[in-house]
mmCIF file of all heavy atoms, coordinates in Angstrom:
data_MODEL
# 
_entry.id   MODEL 
# 
loop_
_atom_site.group_PDB 
_atom_site.id 
_atom_site.type_symbol 
_atom_site.label_atom_id 
_atom_site.label_alt_id 
_atom_site.label_comp_id 
_atom_site.label_asym_id 
_atom_site.label_entity_id 
_atom_site.label_seq_id 
_atom_site.pdbx_PDB_ins_code 
_atom_site.Cartn_x 
_atom_site.Cartn_y 
_atom_site.Cartn_z 
_atom_site.occupancy 
_atom_site.B_iso_or_equiv 
_atom_site.pdbx_formal_charge 
_atom_site.auth_seq_id 
_atom_site.auth_comp_id 
_atom_site.auth_asym_id 
_atom_site.auth_atom_id 
_atom_site.pdbx_PDB_model_num 
ATOM 1   N N   . GLY A 1 1  ? -26.865 -26.815 -11.446 1.00 0.00 ? 1  GLY A N   1 
ATOM 2   C CA  . GLY A 1 1  ? -26.146 -27.922 -12.058 1.00 0.00 ? 1  GLY A CA  1 
ATOM 3   C C   . GLY A 1 1  ? -25.008 -27.452 -12.942 1.00 0.00 ? 1  GLY A C   1 
ATOM 4   O O   . GLY A 1 1  ? -23.873 -27.921 -12.818 1.00 0.00 ? 1  GLY A O   1 
ATOM 5   N N   . THR A 1 2  ? -25.289 -26.486 -13.828 1.00 0.00 ? 2  THR A N   1 
ATOM 6   C CA  . THR A 1 2  ? -24.250 -26.042 -14.771 1.00 0.00 ? 2  THR A CA  1 
ATOM 7   C C   . THR A 1 2  ? -23.150 -25.241 -14.089 1.00 0.00 ? 2  THR A C   1 
ATOM 8   O O   . THR A 1 2  ? -22.032 -25.165 -14.607 1.00 0.00 ? 2  THR A O   1 
ATOM 9   C CB  . THR A 1 2  ? -24.880 -25.200 -15.904 1.00 0.00 ? 2  THR A CB  1 
ATOM 10  O OG1 . THR A 1 2  ? -25.861 -24.308 -15.359 1.00 0.00 ? 2  THR A OG1 1 
ATOM 11  C CG2 . THR A 1 2  ? -25.537 -26.093 -16.927 1.00 0.00 ? 2  THR A CG2 1 
ATOM 12  N N   . THR A 1 3  ? -23.433 -24.642 -12.926 1.00 0.00 ? 3  THR A N   1 
ATOM 13  C CA  . THR A 1 3  ? -22.370 -23.934 -12.200 1.00 0.00 ? 3  THR A CA  1 
ATOM 14  C C   . THR A 1 3  ? -21.274 -24.899 -11.767 1.00 0.00 ? 3  THR A C   1 
ATOM 15  O O   . THR A 1 3  ? -20.118 -24.510 -11.593 1.00 0.00 ? 3  THR A O   1 
ATOM 16  C CB  . THR A 1 3  ? -22.958 -23.197 -10.973 1.00 0.00 ? 3  THR A CB  1 
ATOM 17  O OG1 . THR A 1 3  ? -23.879 -22.203 -11.430 1.00 0.00 ? 3  THR A OG1 1 
ATOM 18  C CG2 . THR A 1 3  ? -21.871 -22.495 -10.170 1.00 0.00 ? 3  THR A CG2 1 
ATOM 19  N N   . LYS A 1 4  ? -21.634 -26.170 -11.616 1.00 0.00 ? 4  LYS A N   1 
ATOM 20  C CA  . LYS A 1 4  ? -20.632 -27.182 -11.252 1.00 0.00 ? 4  LYS A CA  1 
ATOM 21  C C   . LYS A 1 4  ? -19.695 -27.476 -12.417 1.00 0.00 ? 4  LYS A C   1 
ATOM 22  O O   . LYS A 1 4  ? -18.634 -28.069 -12.227 1.00 0.00 ? 4  LYS A O   1 
ATOM 23  C CB  . LYS A 1 4  ? -21.328 -28.477 -10.823 1.00 0.00 ? 4  LYS A CB  1 
ATOM 24  C CG  . LYS A 1 4  ? -22.216 -28.331 -9.600  1.00 0.00 ? 4  LYS A CG  1 
ATOM 25  C CD  . LYS A 1 4  ? -23.045 -29.586 -9.372  1.00 0.00 ? 4  LYS A CD  1 
ATOM 26  C CE  . LYS A 1 4  ? -24.051 -29.367 -8.252  1.00 0.00 ? 4  LYS A CE  1 
ATOM 27  N NZ  . LYS A 1 4  ? -24.971 -30.532 -8.097  1.00 0.00 ? 4  LYS A NZ  1 
ATOM 28  N N   . VAL A 1 5  ? -20.101 -27.055 -13.619 1.00 0.00 ? 5  VAL A N   1 
ATOM 29  C CA  . VAL A 1 5  ? -19.294 -27.289 -14.822 1.00 0.00 ? 5  VAL A CA  1 
ATOM 30  C C   . VAL A 1 5  ? -18.529 -26.026 -15.209 1.00 0.00 ? 5  VAL A C   1 
ATOM 31  O O   . VAL A 1 5  ? -17.328 -26.054 -15.438 1.00 0.00 ? 5  VAL A O   1 
ATOM 32  C CB  . VAL A 1 5  ? -20.199 -27.743 -15.984 1.00 0.00 ? 5  VAL A CB  1 
ATOM 33  C CG1 . VAL A 1 5  ? -19.393 -27.899 -17.269 1.00 0.00 ? 5  VAL A CG1 1 
ATOM 34  C CG2 . VAL A 1 5  ? -20.892 -29.051 -15.631 1.00 0.00 ? 5  VAL A CG2 1 
ATOM 35  N N   . GLY A 1 6  ? -19.249 -24.895 -15.282 1.00 0.00 ? 6  GLY A N   1 
ATOM 36  C CA  . GLY A 1 6  ? -18.611 -23.629 -15.643 1.00 0.00 ? 6  GLY A CA  1 
ATOM 37  C C   . GLY A 1 6  ? -18.796 -23.305 -17.108 1.00 0.00 ? 6  GLY A C   1 
ATOM 38  O O   . GLY A 1 6  ? -18.410 -24.086 -17.979 1.00 0.00 ? 6  GLY A O   1 
ATOM 39  N N   . ASP A 1 7  ? -19.408 -22.169 -17.392 1.00 0.00 ? 7  ASP A N   1 
ATOM 40  C CA  . ASP A 1 7  ? -19.640 -21.723 -18.766 1.00 0.00 ? 7  ASP A CA  1 
ATOM 41  C C   . ASP A 1 7  ? -18.357 -21.113 -19.320 1.00 0.00 ? 7  ASP A C   1 
ATOM 42  O O   . ASP A 1 7  ? -17.865 -20.114 -18.795 1.00 0.00 ? 7  ASP A O   1 
ATOM 43  C CB  . ASP A 1 7  ? -20.768 -20.684 -18.784 1.00 0.00 ? 7  ASP A CB  1 
ATOM 44  C CG  . ASP A 1 7  ? -21.109 -20.217 -20.194 1.00 0.00 ? 7  ASP A CG  1 
ATOM 45  O OD1 . ASP A 1 7  ? -20.511 -20.741 -21.149 1.00 0.00 ? 7  ASP A OD1 1 
ATOM 46  O OD2 . ASP A 1 7  ? -21.965 -19.323 -20.319 1.00 0.00 ? 7  ASP A OD2 1 
ATOM 47  N N   . PRO A 1 8  ? -17.789 -21.662 -20.392 1.00 0.00 ? 8  PRO A N   1 
ATOM 48  C CA  . PRO A 1 8  ? -16.564 -21.090 -20.957 1.00 0.00 ? 8  PRO A CA  1 
ATOM 49  C C   . PRO A 1 8  ? -16.799 -19.831 -21.772 1.00 0.00 ? 8  PRO A C   1 
ATOM 50  O O   . PRO A 1 8  ? -15.836 -19.170 -22.177 1.00 0.00 ? 8  PRO A O   1 
ATOM 51  C CB  . PRO A 1 8  ? -16.037 -22.219 -21.842 1.00 0.00 ? 8  PRO A CB  1 
ATOM 52  C CG  . PRO A 1 8  ? -17.264 -22.961 -22.275 1.00 0.00 ? 8  PRO A CG  1 
ATOM 53  C CD  . PRO A 1 8  ? -18.216 -22.889 -21.099 1.00 0.00 ? 8  PRO A CD  1 
ATOM 54  N N   . SER A 1 9  ? -18.076 -19.477 -22.044 1.00 0.00 ? 9  SER A N   1 
ATOM 55  C CA  . SER A 1 9  ? -18.373 -18.317 -22.893 1.00 0.00 ? 9  SER A CA  1 
ATOM 56  C C   . SER A 1 9  ? -17.792 -17.043 -22.304 1.00 0.00 ? 9  SER A C   1 
ATOM 57  O O   . SER A 1 9  ? -18.112 -16.668 -21.174 1.00 0.00 ? 9  SER A O   1 
ATOM 58  C CB  . SER A 1 9  ? -19.892 -18.158 -23.055 1.00 0.00 ? 9  SER A CB  1 
ATOM 59  O OG  . SER A 1 9  ? -20.468 -19.302 -23.640 1.00 0.00 ? 9  SER A OG  1 
ATOM 60  N N   . GLY A 1 10 ? -16.943 -16.377 -23.072 1.00 0.00 ? 10 GLY A N   1 
ATOM 61  C CA  . GLY A 1 10 ? -16.388 -15.105 -22.641 1.00 0.00 ? 10 GLY A CA  1 
ATOM 62  C C   . GLY A 1 10 ? -15.353 -15.219 -21.542 1.00 0.00 ? 10 GLY A C   1 
ATOM 63  O O   . GLY A 1 10 ? -14.921 -14.211 -20.982 1.00 0.00 ? 10 GLY A O   1 
ATOM 64  N N   . LYS A 1 11 ? -14.916 -16.435 -21.221 1.00 0.00 ? 11 LYS A N   1 
ATOM 65  C CA  . LYS A 1 11 ? -13.956 -16.621 -20.135 1.00 0.00 ? 11 LYS A CA  1 
ATOM 66  C C   . LYS A 1 11 ? -12.599 -17.010 -20.709 1.00 0.00 ? 11 LYS A C   1 
ATOM 67  O O   . LYS A 1 11 ? -12.499 -17.827 -21.611 1.00 0.00 ? 11 LYS A O   1 
ATOM 68  C CB  . LYS A 1 11 ? -14.438 -17.708 -19.164 1.00 0.00 ? 11 LYS A CB  1 
ATOM 69  C CG  . LYS A 1 11 ? -15.823 -17.446 -18.594 1.00 0.00 ? 11 LYS A CG  1 
ATOM 70  C CD  . LYS A 1 11 ? -15.856 -16.194 -17.745 1.00 0.00 ? 11 LYS A CD  1 
ATOM 71  C CE  . LYS A 1 11 ? -17.211 -15.963 -17.113 1.00 0.00 ? 11 LYS A CE  1 
ATOM 72  N NZ  . LYS A 1 11 ? -18.280 -15.724 -18.090 1.00 0.00 ? 11 LYS A NZ  1 
ATOM 73  N N   . ASP A 1 12 ? -11.551 -16.410 -20.130 1.00 0.00 ? 12 ASP A N   1 
ATOM 74  C CA  . ASP A 1 12 ? -10.205 -16.696 -20.599 1.00 0.00 ? 12 ASP A CA  1 
ATOM 75  C C   . ASP A 1 12 ? -9.567  -17.866 -19.864 1.00 0.00 ? 12 ASP A C   1 
ATOM 76  O O   . ASP A 1 12 ? -8.531  -18.380 -20.255 1.00 0.00 ? 12 ASP A O   1 
ATOM 77  C CB  . ASP A 1 12 ? -9.304  -15.464 -20.423 1.00 0.00 ? 12 ASP A CB  1 
ATOM 78  C CG  . ASP A 1 12 ? -9.671  -14.360 -21.410 1.00 0.00 ? 12 ASP A CG  1 
ATOM 79  O OD1 . ASP A 1 12 ? -10.322 -14.663 -22.416 1.00 0.00 ? 12 ASP A OD1 1 
ATOM 80  O OD2 . ASP A 1 12 ? -9.307  -13.191 -21.152 1.00 0.00 ? 12 ASP A OD2 1 
ATOM 81  N N   . GLU A 1 13 ? -10.153 -18.265 -18.752 1.00 0.00 ? 13 GLU A N   1 
ATOM 82  C CA  . GLU A 1 13 ? -9.533  -19.315 -17.956 1.00 0.00 ? 13 GLU A CA  1 
ATOM 83  C C   . GLU A 1 13 ? -10.599 -20.139 -17.245 1.00 0.00 ? 13 GLU A C   1 
ATOM 84  O O   . GLU A 1 13 ? -11.770 -19.776 -17.194 1.00 0.00 ? 13 GLU A O   1 
ATOM 85  C CB  . GLU A 1 13 ? -8.582  -18.706 -16.918 1.00 0.00 ? 13 GLU A CB  1 
ATOM 86  C CG  . GLU A 1 13 ? -9.253  -17.704 -16.002 1.00 0.00 ? 13 GLU A CG  1 
ATOM 87  C CD  . GLU A 1 13 ? -8.249  -16.978 -15.112 1.00 0.00 ? 13 GLU A CD  1 
ATOM 88  O OE1 . GLU A 1 13 ? -7.080  -16.850 -15.504 1.00 0.00 ? 13 GLU A OE1 1 
ATOM 89  O OE2 . GLU A 1 13 ? -8.658  -16.550 -14.020 1.00 0.00 ? 13 GLU A OE2 1 
ATOM 90  N N   . VAL A 1 14 ? -10.172 -21.264 -16.711 1.00 0.00 ? 14 VAL A N   1 
ATOM 91  C CA  . VAL A 1 14 ? -11.081 -22.172 -16.027 1.00 0.00 ? 14 VAL A CA  1 
ATOM 92  C C   . VAL A 1 14 ? -11.562 -21.545 -14.722 1.00 0.00 ? 14 VAL A C   1 
ATOM 93  O O   . VAL A 1 14 ? -10.787 -20.976 -13.965 1.00 0.00 ? 14 VAL A O   1 
ATOM 94  C CB  . VAL A 1 14 ? -10.370 -23.510 -15.735 1.00 0.00 ? 14 VAL A CB  1 
ATOM 95  C CG1 . VAL A 1 14 ? -11.310 -24.459 -14.997 1.00 0.00 ? 14 VAL A CG1 1 
ATOM 96  C CG2 . VAL A 1 14 ? -9.880  -24.152 -17.027 1.00 0.00 ? 14 VAL A CG2 1 
ATOM 97  N N   . ARG A 1 15 ? -12.854 -21.651 -14.470 1.00 0.00 ? 15 ARG A N   1 
ATOM 98  C CA  . ARG A 1 15 ? -13.416 -21.106 -13.245 1.00 0.00 ? 15 ARG A CA  1 
ATOM 99  C C   . ARG A 1 15 ? -13.126 -22.016 -12.056 1.00 0.00 ? 15 ARG A C   1 
ATOM 100 O O   . ARG A 1 15 ? -13.009 -23.231 -12.198 1.00 0.00 ? 15 ARG A O   1 
ATOM 101 C CB  . ARG A 1 15 ? -14.943 -20.983 -13.370 1.00 0.00 ? 15 ARG A CB  1 
ATOM 102 C CG  . ARG A 1 15 ? -15.415 -19.711 -14.044 1.00 0.00 ? 15 ARG A CG  1 
ATOM 103 C CD  . ARG A 1 15 ? -16.919 -19.721 -14.091 1.00 0.00 ? 15 ARG A CD  1 
ATOM 104 N NE  . ARG A 1 15 ? -17.450 -18.452 -14.562 1.00 0.00 ? 15 ARG A NE  1 
ATOM 105 C CZ  . ARG A 1 15 ? -18.724 -18.271 -14.887 1.00 0.00 ? 15 ARG A CZ  1 
ATOM 106 N NH1 . ARG A 1 15 ? -19.576 -19.270 -14.793 1.00 0.00 ? 15 ARG A NH1 1 
ATOM 107 N NH2 . ARG A 1 15 ? -19.143 -17.106 -15.305 1.00 0.00 ? 15 ARG A NH2 1 
ATOM 108 N N   . LYS A 1 16 ? -13.068 -21.409 -10.883 1.00 0.00 ? 16 LYS A N   1 
ATOM 109 C CA  . LYS A 1 16 ? -12.964 -22.169 -9.651  1.00 0.00 ? 16 LYS A CA  1 
ATOM 110 C C   . LYS A 1 16 ? -14.290 -22.872 -9.400  1.00 0.00 ? 16 LYS A C   1 
ATOM 111 O O   . LYS A 1 16 ? -15.362 -22.281 -9.511  1.00 0.00 ? 16 LYS A O   1 
ATOM 112 C CB  . LYS A 1 16 ? -12.644 -21.229 -8.482  1.00 0.00 ? 16 LYS A CB  1 
ATOM 113 C CG  . LYS A 1 16 ? -12.579 -21.926 -7.133  1.00 0.00 ? 16 LYS A CG  1 
ATOM 114 C CD  . LYS A 1 16 ? -12.350 -20.929 -6.015  1.00 0.00 ? 16 LYS A CD  1 
ATOM 115 C CE  . LYS A 1 16 ? -12.367 -21.613 -4.662  1.00 0.00 ? 16 LYS A CE  1 
ATOM 116 N NZ  . LYS A 1 16 ? -12.207 -20.635 -3.548  1.00 0.00 ? 16 LYS A NZ  1 
ATOM 117 N N   . LEU A 1 17 ? -14.234 -24.167 -9.093  1.00 0.00 ? 17 LEU A N   1 
ATOM 118 C CA  . LEU A 1 17 ? -15.454 -24.938 -8.880  1.00 0.00 ? 17 LEU A CA  1 
ATOM 119 C C   . LEU A 1 17 ? -15.953 -24.764 -7.448  1.00 0.00 ? 17 LEU A C   1 
ATOM 120 O O   . LEU A 1 17 ? -15.177 -24.766 -6.494  1.00 0.00 ? 17 LEU A O   1 
ATOM 121 C CB  . LEU A 1 17 ? -15.196 -26.417 -9.176  1.00 0.00 ? 17 LEU A CB  1 
ATOM 122 C CG  . LEU A 1 17 ? -14.831 -26.761 -10.625 1.00 0.00 ? 17 LEU A CG  1 
ATOM 123 C CD1 . LEU A 1 17 ? -14.610 -28.258 -10.779 1.00 0.00 ? 17 LEU A CD1 1 
ATOM 124 C CD2 . LEU A 1 17 ? -15.914 -26.289 -11.585 1.00 0.00 ? 17 LEU A CD2 1 
ATOM 125 N N   . LEU A 1 18 ? -17.265 -24.631 -7.301  1.00 0.00 ? 18 LEU A N   1 
ATOM 126 C CA  . LEU A 1 18 ? -17.897 -24.477 -5.988  1.00 0.00 ? 18 LEU A CA  1 
ATOM 127 C C   . LEU A 1 18 ? -18.515 -25.803 -5.560  1.00 0.00 ? 18 LEU A C   1 
ATOM 128 O O   . LEU A 1 18 ? -18.917 -26.615 -6.394  1.00 0.00 ? 18 LEU A O   1 
ATOM 129 C CB  . LEU A 1 18 ? -18.993 -23.409 -6.048  1.00 0.00 ? 18 LEU A CB  1 
ATOM 130 C CG  . LEU A 1 18 ? -18.568 -21.993 -6.446  1.00 0.00 ? 18 LEU A CG  1 
ATOM 131 C CD1 . LEU A 1 18 ? -19.798 -21.106 -6.574  1.00 0.00 ? 18 LEU A CD1 1 
ATOM 132 C CD2 . LEU A 1 18 ? -17.610 -21.415 -5.423  1.00 0.00 ? 18 LEU A CD2 1 
ATOM 133 N N   . ASP A 1 19 ? -18.637 -26.000 -4.238  1.00 0.00 ? 19 ASP A N   1 
ATOM 134 C CA  . ASP A 1 19 ? -19.316 -27.206 -3.759  1.00 0.00 ? 19 ASP A CA  1 
ATOM 135 C C   . ASP A 1 19 ? -20.819 -26.956 -3.692  1.00 0.00 ? 19 ASP A C   1 
ATOM 136 O O   . ASP A 1 19 ? -21.298 -25.835 -3.899  1.00 0.00 ? 19 ASP A O   1 
ATOM 137 C CB  . ASP A 1 19 ? -18.764 -27.645 -2.395  1.00 0.00 ? 19 ASP A CB  1 
ATOM 138 C CG  . ASP A 1 19 ? -18.924 -26.588 -1.310  1.00 0.00 ? 19 ASP A CG  1 
ATOM 139 O OD1 . ASP A 1 19 ? -19.801 -25.697 -1.436  1.00 0.00 ? 19 ASP A OD1 1 
ATOM 140 O OD2 . ASP A 1 19 ? -18.178 -26.642 -0.317  1.00 0.00 ? 19 ASP A OD2 1 
ATOM 141 N N   . ASN A 1 20 ? -21.581 -28.001 -3.395  1.00 0.00 ? 20 ASN A N   1 
ATOM 142 C CA  . ASN A 1 20 ? -23.042 -27.907 -3.399  1.00 0.00 ? 20 ASN A CA  1 
ATOM 143 C C   . ASN A 1 20 ? -23.556 -26.887 -2.388  1.00 0.00 ? 20 ASN A C   1 
ATOM 144 O O   . ASN A 1 20 ? -24.509 -26.146 -2.679  1.00 0.00 ? 20 ASN A O   1 
ATOM 145 C CB  . ASN A 1 20 ? -23.651 -29.277 -3.101  1.00 0.00 ? 20 ASN A CB  1 
ATOM 146 C CG  . ASN A 1 20 ? -23.521 -30.234 -4.262  1.00 0.00 ? 20 ASN A CG  1 
ATOM 147 O OD1 . ASN A 1 20 ? -23.381 -29.807 -5.407  1.00 0.00 ? 20 ASN A OD1 1 
ATOM 148 N ND2 . ASN A 1 20 ? -23.565 -31.525 -3.994  1.00 0.00 ? 20 ASN A ND2 1 
ATOM 149 N N   . ASP A 1 21 ? -22.947 -26.844 -1.198  1.00 0.00 ? 21 ASP A N   1 
ATOM 150 C CA  . ASP A 1 21 ? -23.401 -25.904 -0.165  1.00 0.00 ? 21 ASP A CA  1 
ATOM 151 C C   . ASP A 1 21 ? -23.190 -24.461 -0.617  1.00 0.00 ? 21 ASP A C   1 
ATOM 152 O O   . ASP A 1 21 ? -24.059 -23.602 -0.412  1.00 0.00 ? 21 ASP A O   1 
ATOM 153 C CB  . ASP A 1 21 ? -22.660 -26.163 1.155   1.00 0.00 ? 21 ASP A CB  1 
ATOM 154 C CG  . ASP A 1 21 ? -23.084 -27.464 1.818   1.00 0.00 ? 21 ASP A CG  1 
ATOM 155 O OD1 . ASP A 1 21 ? -24.154 -27.990 1.443   1.00 0.00 ? 21 ASP A OD1 1 
ATOM 156 O OD2 . ASP A 1 21 ? -22.346 -27.957 2.692   1.00 0.00 ? 21 ASP A OD2 1 
ATOM 157 N N   . GLY A 1 22 ? -22.049 -24.190 -1.232  1.00 0.00 ? 22 GLY A N   1 
ATOM 158 C CA  . GLY A 1 22 ? -21.766 -22.834 -1.707  1.00 0.00 ? 22 GLY A CA  1 
ATOM 159 C C   . GLY A 1 22 ? -22.726 -22.412 -2.804  1.00 0.00 ? 22 GLY A C   1 
ATOM 160 O O   . GLY A 1 22 ? -23.217 -21.279 -2.822  1.00 0.00 ? 22 GLY A O   1 
ATOM 161 N N   . ILE A 1 23 ? -23.021 -23.336 -3.719  1.00 0.00 ? 23 ILE A N   1 
ATOM 162 C CA  . ILE A 1 23 ? -23.955 -23.038 -4.804  1.00 0.00 ? 23 ILE A CA  1 
ATOM 163 C C   . ILE A 1 23 ? -25.355 -22.787 -4.258  1.00 0.00 ? 23 ILE A C   1 
ATOM 164 O O   . ILE A 1 23 ? -26.037 -21.835 -4.655  1.00 0.00 ? 23 ILE A O   1 
ATOM 165 C CB  . ILE A 1 23 ? -23.966 -24.182 -5.835  1.00 0.00 ? 23 ILE A CB  1 
ATOM 166 C CG1 . ILE A 1 23 ? -22.625 -24.233 -6.579  1.00 0.00 ? 23 ILE A CG1 1 
ATOM 167 C CG2 . ILE A 1 23 ? -25.116 -24.012 -6.827  1.00 0.00 ? 23 ILE A CG2 1 
ATOM 168 C CD1 . ILE A 1 23 ? -22.455 -25.434 -7.482  1.00 0.00 ? 23 ILE A CD1 1 
ATOM 169 N N   . SER A 1 24 ? -25.804 -23.605 -3.316  1.00 0.00 ? 24 SER A N   1 
ATOM 170 C CA  . SER A 1 24 ? -27.144 -23.447 -2.730  1.00 0.00 ? 24 SER A CA  1 
ATOM 171 C C   . SER A 1 24 ? -27.269 -22.121 -1.999  1.00 0.00 ? 24 SER A C   1 
ATOM 172 O O   . SER A 1 24 ? -28.303 -21.438 -2.098  1.00 0.00 ? 24 SER A O   1 
ATOM 173 C CB  . SER A 1 24 ? -27.439 -24.606 -1.775  1.00 0.00 ? 24 SER A CB  1 
ATOM 174 O OG  . SER A 1 24 ? -27.483 -25.837 -2.471  1.00 0.00 ? 24 SER A OG  1 
ATOM 175 N N   . ALA A 1 25 ? -26.228 -21.739 -1.258  1.00 0.00 ? 25 ALA A N   1 
ATOM 176 C CA  . ALA A 1 25 ? -26.251 -20.458 -0.540  1.00 0.00 ? 25 ALA A CA  1 
ATOM 177 C C   . ALA A 1 25 ? -26.310 -19.292 -1.514  1.00 0.00 ? 25 ALA A C   1 
ATOM 178 O O   . ALA A 1 25 ? -27.034 -18.312 -1.289  1.00 0.00 ? 25 ALA A O   1 
ATOM 179 C CB  . ALA A 1 25 ? -25.016 -20.345 0.357   1.00 0.00 ? 25 ALA A CB  1 
# 
């Protein structure tokens, strides 16, 4: 669930969002 949001901790930029199939794999 949280991978769909992206943790900003320690990150300098916005992460690329993954779809449900990519996250499940």
